[in-house]
Amino acid sequence: MTGPEHYREAERLLSGASFTSLSGNPVTRDGTPMRPETHAALIARAQAHAQLAAVAAHVFSQPVEGRPDSAGLPEEEWDDWCNTVSATGQYATTKEN
């Protein structure tokens, strides 16, 4: 998954965990009761995806002199990060991500 895909998945999971009954207990979108451990697992998964999105965003946050698509990293490390956070293994500049 790419950083934006992780972000969207975190949003989706949090949305699924955001419904409660009138008594405040977690429920699904259709109002079916949700077990507390299922609710906690949705939130934990959302947090993991959000953290991965944040890491990807951080990597692409500051350019290296002379290479505006880099993040202040040595070229080999930058290329490794680009390949790691891209879905295909073939990275593009941050403008295309």
Protein backbone atom coordinates (compact mmCIF):
# COMPACT_ATOMS: atom_id res chain seq x y z
CA MET A 1 0.00 0.00 0.00
CA THR A 2 1.10 3.55 -0.62
CA GLY A 3 0.96 6.29 2.00
CA PRO A 4 -2.33 7.68 0.64
CA GLU A 5 -3.80 4.17 0.56
CA HIS A 6 -2.81 3.65 4.21
CA TYR A 7 -4.45 6.98 5.06
CA ARG A 8 -7.69 6.06 3.30
CA GLU A 9 -7.74 2.64 5.00
CA ALA A 10 -7.28 4.29 8.40
CA GLU A 11 -10.21 6.59 7.65
CA ARG A 12 -12.35 3.65 6.53
CA LEU A 13 -11.56 1.61 9.63
CA LEU A 14 -12.17 4.52 11.99
CA SER A 15 -15.44 5.23 10.27
CA GLY A 16 -16.50 1.63 10.84
CA ALA A 17 -15.62 1.95 14.52
CA SER A 18 -17.44 5.25 15.04
CA PHE A 19 -21.02 4.05 15.48
CA THR A 20 -22.58 3.61 18.91
CA SER A 21 -25.97 2.64 20.25
CA LEU A 22 -28.03 5.03 22.35
CA SER A 23 -26.43 3.44 25.40
CA GLY A 24 -22.94 4.18 24.00
CA ASN A 25 -21.98 0.62 23.08
CA PRO A 26 -20.20 0.05 19.75
CA VAL A 27 -22.37 -1.05 16.82
CA THR A 28 -21.88 -1.63 13.10
CA ARG A 29 -23.18 0.81 10.48
CA ASP A 30 -26.47 -1.09 10.38
CA GLY A 31 -26.84 -1.01 14.18
CA THR A 32 -25.79 -4.58 14.92
CA PRO A 33 -24.01 -4.82 18.29
CA MET A 34 -20.23 -5.06 18.00
CA ARG A 35 -18.09 -6.90 20.51
CA PRO A 36 -15.74 -4.58 22.42
CA GLU A 37 -12.70 -6.58 21.25
CA THR A 38 -13.80 -6.20 17.62
CA HIS A 39 -14.20 -2.46 18.16
CA ALA A 40 -10.75 -2.24 19.76
CA ALA A 41 -9.23 -4.24 16.89
CA LEU A 42 -10.71 -1.85 14.30
CA ILE A 43 -9.22 1.10 16.13
CA ALA A 44 -5.82 -0.61 16.49
CA ARG A 45 -5.75 -1.45 12.78
CA ALA A 46 -6.70 2.14 11.94
CA GLN A 47 -3.87 3.42 14.15
CA ALA A 48 -1.36 1.15 12.40
CA HIS A 49 -2.45 2.35 8.96
CA ALA A 50 -2.39 5.98 10.11
CA GLN A 51 1.17 5.53 11.43
CA LEU A 52 2.31 4.01 8.14
CA ALA A 53 0.71 6.92 6.25
CA ALA A 54 2.49 9.38 8.55
CA VAL A 55 5.86 7.69 7.95
CA ALA A 56 5.36 7.82 4.19
CA ALA A 57 4.37 11.49 4.38
CA HIS A 58 7.39 12.30 6.55
CA VAL A 59 9.81 10.60 4.15
CA PHE A 60 8.58 12.81 1.32
CA SER A 61 8.47 16.04 3.32
CA GLN A 62 11.86 17.74 2.77
CA PRO A 63 13.79 17.85 -0.51
CA VAL A 64 17.53 17.47 -0.93
CA GLU A 65 19.41 20.29 -2.60
CA GLY A 66 19.35 19.75 -6.35
CA ARG A 67 16.79 16.95 -6.14
CA PRO A 68 13.34 18.35 -5.32
CA ASP A 69 11.70 14.91 -5.14
CA SER A 70 14.04 13.65 -2.39
CA ALA A 71 13.74 14.02 1.37
CA GLY A 72 17.20 15.00 2.53
CA LEU A 73 18.41 11.40 2.31
CA PRO A 74 21.34 9.91 0.43
CA GLU A 75 20.23 8.86 -3.07
CA GLU A 76 20.38 5.11 -2.36
CA GLU A 77 18.35 5.45 0.83
CA TRP A 78 15.86 7.78 -0.91
CA ASP A 79 15.38 5.26 -3.73
CA ASP A 80 14.91 2.46 -1.19
CA TRP A 81 12.21 4.46 0.62
CA CYS A 82 10.47 5.31 -2.64
CA ASN A 83 10.36 1.67 -3.63
CA THR A 84 9.23 0.66 -0.14
CA VAL A 85 6.27 3.03 0.08
CA SER A 86 5.09 2.66 -3.51
CA ALA A 87 2.58 -0.05 -4.35
CA THR A 88 4.40 -1.16 -7.49
CA GLY A 89 8.01 -0.93 -6.36
CA GLN A 90 8.54 1.65 -9.11
CA TYR A 91 8.47 5.10 -7.60
CA ALA A 92 7.54 8.42 -9.09
CA THR A 93 8.14 11.97 -7.92
CA THR A 94 6.07 13.23 -5.00
CA LYS A 95 3.98 15.34 -7.40
CA GLU A 96 2.71 12.11 -8.96
CA ASN A 97 2.19 10.32 -5.64
